[in-house]
């Protein structure tokens, strides 16, 4: 019975390690997917285009209209 208990404890520890590794990988993926720097590294022209478009939109919204 003691040998079986040791085996179960070993399996639990192995599974705990795998879960920890999976959580660390998930955290890295979430951090990368929310990082504007990662988007810029992958698609710099898209990010620059969005920034330019956002600038035009903001200037159109906040520029006073002449009569």
N, C-alpha and C. Protein backbone atom coordinates (compact mmCIF):
# COMPACT_ATOMS: atom_id res chain seq x y z
N UNK A 1 0.82 -1.19 0.00
CA UNK A 1 0.00 0.00 0.00
C UNK A 1 0.87 1.25 0.00
N UNK A 2 2.00 1.21 0.69
CA UNK A 2 2.88 2.37 0.76
C UNK A 2 3.48 2.69 -0.61
N UNK A 3 3.79 1.66 -1.38
CA UNK A 3 4.34 1.87 -2.72
C UNK A 3 3.31 2.53 -3.63
N UNK A 4 2.08 2.12 -3.53
CA UNK A 4 0.99 2.70 -4.34
C UNK A 4 0.76 4.16 -3.94
N UNK A 5 0.85 4.46 -2.66
CA UNK A 5 0.70 5.83 -2.19
C UNK A 5 1.81 6.71 -2.74
N UNK A 6 3.02 6.21 -2.75
CA UNK A 6 4.16 6.96 -3.29
C UNK A 6 3.97 7.22 -4.78
N UNK A 7 3.44 6.23 -5.47
CA UNK A 7 3.19 6.39 -6.90
C UNK A 7 2.13 7.47 -7.16
N UNK A 8 1.07 7.46 -6.37
CA UNK A 8 0.01 8.46 -6.52
C UNK A 8 0.55 9.86 -6.22
N UNK A 9 1.33 9.99 -5.17
CA UNK A 9 1.92 11.28 -4.82
C UNK A 9 2.83 11.76 -5.95
N UNK A 10 3.61 10.86 -6.52
CA UNK A 10 4.47 11.22 -7.64
C UNK A 10 3.68 11.69 -8.85
N UNK A 11 2.57 11.00 -9.15
CA UNK A 11 1.72 11.40 -10.27
C UNK A 11 1.08 12.76 -10.03
N UNK A 12 0.67 13.00 -8.79
CA UNK A 12 0.08 14.30 -8.45
C UNK A 12 1.12 15.41 -8.62
N UNK A 13 2.33 15.16 -8.16
CA UNK A 13 3.39 16.17 -8.31
C UNK A 13 3.72 16.43 -9.78
N UNK A 14 3.74 15.36 -10.60
CA UNK A 14 3.99 15.52 -12.03
C UNK A 14 2.88 16.35 -12.68
N UNK A 15 1.65 16.06 -12.32
CA UNK A 15 0.52 16.79 -12.89
C UNK A 15 0.54 18.25 -12.44
N UNK A 16 0.91 18.49 -11.20
CA UNK A 16 1.02 19.85 -10.68
C UNK A 16 2.07 20.63 -11.47
N UNK A 17 3.19 19.98 -11.77
CA UNK A 17 4.25 20.62 -12.57
C UNK A 17 3.75 20.95 -13.97
N UNK A 18 3.04 20.02 -14.59
CA UNK A 18 2.50 20.26 -15.94
C UNK A 18 1.50 21.40 -15.93
N UNK A 19 0.66 21.45 -14.93
CA UNK A 19 -0.32 22.54 -14.83
C UNK A 19 0.38 23.88 -14.63
N UNK A 20 1.43 23.90 -13.82
CA UNK A 20 2.20 25.13 -13.63
C UNK A 20 2.83 25.60 -14.93
N UNK A 21 3.36 24.66 -15.70
CA UNK A 21 3.96 25.01 -17.00
C UNK A 21 2.89 25.55 -17.95
N UNK A 22 1.71 24.92 -17.96
CA UNK A 22 0.62 25.38 -18.83
C UNK A 22 0.15 26.77 -18.43
N UNK A 23 0.06 27.04 -17.15
CA UNK A 23 -0.37 28.37 -16.69
C UNK A 23 0.67 29.41 -17.08
N UNK A 24 1.94 29.09 -16.95
CA UNK A 24 3.00 30.04 -17.33
C UNK A 24 2.94 30.34 -18.83
N UNK A 25 2.70 29.32 -19.64
CA UNK A 25 2.58 29.51 -21.09
C UNK A 25 1.36 30.36 -21.43
N UNK A 26 0.24 30.11 -20.75
CA UNK A 26 -0.97 30.90 -20.96
C UNK A 26 -0.75 32.36 -20.58
N UNK A 27 -0.09 32.60 -19.46
CA UNK A 27 0.21 33.97 -19.04
C UNK A 27 1.08 34.68 -20.07
N UNK A 28 2.05 33.98 -20.62
CA UNK A 28 2.93 34.57 -21.64
C UNK A 28 2.14 34.93 -22.89
N UNK A 29 1.25 34.04 -23.31
CA UNK A 29 0.45 34.30 -24.50
C UNK A 29 -0.50 35.48 -24.29
N UNK A 30 -1.11 35.56 -23.12
CA UNK A 30 -2.00 36.69 -22.83
C UNK A 30 -1.20 37.99 -22.79
N UNK A 31 -0.05 37.97 -22.17
CA UNK A 31 0.79 39.16 -22.10
C UNK A 31 1.22 39.60 -23.51
N UNK A 32 1.61 38.65 -24.35
CA UNK A 32 2.01 38.98 -25.71
C UNK A 32 0.85 39.50 -26.56
N UNK A 33 -0.33 38.92 -26.35
CA UNK A 33 -1.47 39.34 -27.17
C UNK A 33 -2.00 40.71 -26.79
N UNK A 34 -1.70 41.18 -25.60
CA UNK A 34 -2.16 42.51 -25.18
C UNK A 34 -1.06 43.56 -25.27
N UNK A 35 0.09 43.20 -25.77
CA UNK A 35 1.22 44.12 -25.86
C UNK A 35 1.24 44.79 -27.23
N UNK A 36 1.17 46.12 -27.26
CA UNK A 36 1.23 46.82 -28.54
C UNK A 36 2.60 46.64 -29.17
N UNK A 37 3.63 46.42 -28.38
CA UNK A 37 4.97 46.22 -28.94
C UNK A 37 5.04 44.94 -29.77
N UNK A 38 4.35 43.91 -29.30
CA UNK A 38 4.34 42.65 -30.05
C UNK A 38 3.63 42.84 -31.39
N UNK A 39 2.50 43.57 -31.39
CA UNK A 39 1.82 43.86 -32.64
C UNK A 39 2.73 44.66 -33.57
N UNK A 40 3.45 45.64 -33.01
CA UNK A 40 4.33 46.47 -33.82
C UNK A 40 5.46 45.64 -34.42
N UNK A 41 6.00 44.70 -33.66
CA UNK A 41 7.07 43.84 -34.19
C UNK A 41 6.56 42.96 -35.32
N UNK A 42 5.32 42.48 -35.20
CA UNK A 42 4.77 41.57 -36.21
C UNK A 42 4.26 42.32 -37.44
N UNK A 43 3.55 43.42 -37.24
CA UNK A 43 2.94 44.16 -38.34
C UNK A 43 3.11 45.67 -38.13
N UNK A 44 4.31 46.18 -38.37
CA UNK A 44 4.55 47.59 -38.08
C UNK A 44 3.72 48.53 -38.95
N UNK A 45 3.49 48.20 -40.21
CA UNK A 45 2.73 49.11 -41.08
C UNK A 45 1.27 49.20 -40.66
N UNK A 46 0.71 48.10 -40.18
CA UNK A 46 -0.66 48.13 -39.72
C UNK A 46 -0.80 49.03 -38.48
N UNK A 47 0.13 48.92 -37.56
CA UNK A 47 0.10 49.73 -36.34
C UNK A 47 0.26 51.21 -36.69
N UNK A 48 1.19 51.51 -37.59
CA UNK A 48 1.39 52.90 -37.99
C UNK A 48 0.15 53.45 -38.71
N UNK A 49 -0.47 52.63 -39.54
CA UNK A 49 -1.69 53.05 -40.22
C UNK A 49 -2.83 53.31 -39.25
N UNK A 50 -2.97 52.46 -38.26
CA UNK A 50 -4.00 52.67 -37.24
C UNK A 50 -3.74 53.94 -36.43
N UNK A 51 -2.48 54.19 -36.12
CA UNK A 51 -2.13 55.41 -35.39
C UNK A 51 -2.43 56.64 -36.23
N UNK A 52 -2.11 56.58 -37.51
CA UNK A 52 -2.37 57.70 -38.40
C UNK A 52 -3.88 57.93 -38.54
N UNK A 53 -4.62 56.85 -38.74
CA UNK A 53 -6.08 56.96 -38.84
C UNK A 53 -6.70 57.49 -37.56
N UNK A 54 -6.21 57.04 -36.44
CA UNK A 54 -6.71 57.54 -35.15
C UNK A 54 -6.42 59.02 -34.97
N UNK A 55 -5.24 59.44 -35.42
CA UNK A 55 -4.89 60.86 -35.33
C UNK A 55 -5.81 61.72 -36.19
N UNK A 56 -6.09 61.26 -37.42
CA UNK A 56 -7.02 61.99 -38.28
C UNK A 56 -8.41 62.05 -37.67
N UNK A 57 -8.86 60.95 -37.12
CA UNK A 57 -10.19 60.91 -36.51
C UNK A 57 -10.27 61.87 -35.32
N UNK A 58 -9.28 61.84 -34.46
CA UNK A 58 -9.28 62.75 -33.31
C UNK A 58 -9.20 64.22 -33.74
N UNK A 59 -8.40 64.51 -34.75
CA UNK A 59 -8.31 65.90 -35.21
C UNK A 59 -9.63 66.35 -35.82
N UNK A 60 -10.33 65.46 -36.51
CA UNK A 60 -11.62 65.81 -37.09
C UNK A 60 -12.66 66.03 -35.99
N UNK A 61 -12.58 65.28 -34.93
CA UNK A 61 -13.56 65.42 -33.85
C UNK A 61 -13.34 66.68 -33.00
N UNK A 62 -12.09 67.08 -32.83
CA UNK A 62 -11.79 68.17 -31.90
C UNK A 62 -11.38 69.49 -32.57
N UNK A 63 -11.41 69.52 -33.88
CA UNK A 63 -11.11 70.78 -34.59
C UNK A 63 -12.41 71.57 -34.72
N UNK A 64 -12.41 72.83 -34.30
CA UNK A 64 -13.63 73.62 -34.41
C UNK A 64 -14.00 73.85 -35.88
N UNK A 65 -15.27 73.79 -36.15
CA UNK A 65 -15.76 74.01 -37.51
C UNK A 65 -15.92 75.49 -37.77
N UNK A 66 -15.49 75.93 -38.92
CA UNK A 66 -15.66 77.35 -39.26
C UNK A 66 -17.04 77.57 -39.89
N UNK A 67 -17.51 78.81 -39.80
CA UNK A 67 -18.86 79.12 -40.31
C UNK A 67 -18.78 79.62 -41.68
